[in-house]
Amino acid sequence: MMMKLELYQYVALCRDCPEYNLKQGDVAMLIDYVTHPSGGEDGYILEVFNAAGDSIAIFTVPMSAVAKMPSDAVLAIRPLAELK
C-alpha cells in the first residue's frame, strides 16, 4: 500500500496530463483524497495554479501520478496554452 501524502502541500506530477495541458514535473496542490470505488488505486484531488496564483484546473489522479516535492528541485515557469 502506498503511503498517503499530506493534504495541502505542493506535489509534482509524475506524468503528463494532456487533457489539462500539464506535464510531468508541473506543480499542483494536493487538496483531497479519493477512495477508488471498486478497490483499485486510490487517488488525489489536485488543484493547479498559474504563476499569478489563479486556479486553472482541479482534477483527480491516481496516487502513483504524484510525488512529494524534492528538496533539490528548482521551480520553473513555462507557457500554458489555453485550457479546453
Protein backbone atom coordinates (compact mmCIF):
# COMPACT_ATOMS: atom_id res chain seq x y z
CA MET A 1 0.00 0.00 0.00
CA MET A 2 1.28 3.44 -0.97
CA MET A 3 1.77 5.96 1.85
CA LYS A 4 -0.55 8.97 1.58
CA LEU A 5 0.99 12.38 1.16
CA GLU A 6 -0.22 15.16 3.46
CA LEU A 7 -3.09 17.39 2.38
CA TYR A 8 -2.49 20.99 1.35
CA GLN A 9 1.08 20.56 0.20
CA TYR A 10 2.54 21.11 -3.22
CA VAL A 11 3.32 17.95 -5.16
CA ALA A 12 4.96 17.23 -8.51
CA LEU A 13 3.21 15.37 -11.32
CA CYS A 14 4.98 12.12 -12.24
CA ARG A 15 3.40 12.00 -15.70
CA ASP A 16 1.84 14.21 -18.33
CA CYS A 17 -1.86 15.12 -18.07
CA PRO A 18 -2.53 16.28 -21.65
CA GLU A 19 -6.24 16.82 -21.03
CA TYR A 20 -5.20 19.73 -18.75
CA ASN A 21 -2.11 20.80 -20.73
CA LEU A 22 0.08 19.72 -17.81
CA LYS A 23 3.43 17.97 -18.00
CA GLN A 24 5.50 15.71 -15.80
CA GLY A 25 7.20 17.91 -13.21
CA ASP A 26 4.44 20.52 -13.06
CA VAL A 27 3.38 21.50 -9.55
CA ALA A 28 -0.09 21.06 -8.03
CA MET A 29 -1.68 21.43 -4.58
CA LEU A 30 -3.00 18.20 -3.04
CA ILE A 31 -6.45 19.17 -1.79
CA ASP A 32 -8.21 15.87 -1.00
CA TYR A 33 -8.11 12.07 -1.04
CA VAL A 34 -10.34 9.83 -3.19
CA THR A 35 -11.05 6.16 -2.49
CA HIS A 36 -11.35 4.04 -5.62
CA PRO A 37 -14.97 2.77 -5.80
CA SER A 38 -14.07 -0.77 -6.87
CA GLY A 39 -10.86 -1.41 -4.95
CA GLY A 40 -8.37 -0.06 -7.50
CA GLU A 41 -5.68 2.51 -6.78
CA ASP A 42 -6.87 5.35 -4.56
CA GLY A 43 -6.31 8.87 -5.79
CA TYR A 44 -5.74 12.50 -5.01
CA ILE A 45 -7.70 15.59 -5.98
CA LEU A 46 -5.25 18.22 -7.19
CA GLU A 47 -5.58 21.92 -7.87
CA VAL A 48 -3.19 23.64 -10.27
CA PHE A 49 -2.47 27.37 -10.21
CA ASN A 50 -0.90 29.61 -12.82
CA ALA A 51 2.13 31.78 -11.99
CA ALA A 52 -0.19 34.63 -10.90
CA GLY A 53 -1.88 32.34 -8.33
CA ASP A 54 -5.16 31.84 -10.20
CA SER A 55 -6.71 28.37 -10.08
CA ILE A 56 -6.67 26.85 -13.58
CA ALA A 57 -7.63 23.20 -13.02
CA ILE A 58 -8.99 20.80 -10.40
CA PHE A 59 -8.83 17.10 -11.23
CA THR A 60 -8.30 13.60 -9.83
CA VAL A 61 -5.28 11.39 -10.44
CA PRO A 62 -4.15 8.02 -9.07
CA MET A 63 -1.79 8.26 -6.09
CA SER A 64 1.07 6.99 -8.26
CA ALA A 65 0.74 10.05 -10.53
CA VAL A 66 2.25 12.45 -7.97
CA ALA A 67 5.32 12.66 -5.77
CA LYS A 68 6.42 14.77 -2.84
CA MET A 69 8.29 17.87 -3.96
CA PRO A 70 12.02 17.11 -3.99
CA SER A 71 14.12 19.42 -1.83
CA ASP A 72 16.81 19.67 -4.52
CA ALA A 73 14.44 20.94 -7.25
CA VAL A 74 14.00 24.44 -8.64
CA LEU A 75 10.59 25.71 -9.77
CA ALA A 76 10.37 26.97 -13.34
CA ILE A 77 7.80 28.84 -15.41
CA ARG A 78 6.59 27.67 -18.82
CA PRO A 79 3.79 28.93 -21.05
CA LEU A 80 0.45 27.17 -20.76
CA ALA A 81 -1.83 27.03 -23.78
CA GLU A 82 -5.48 27.89 -23.30
CA LEU A 83 -7.32 25.12 -21.40
CA LYS A 84 -10.05 23.44 -23.39
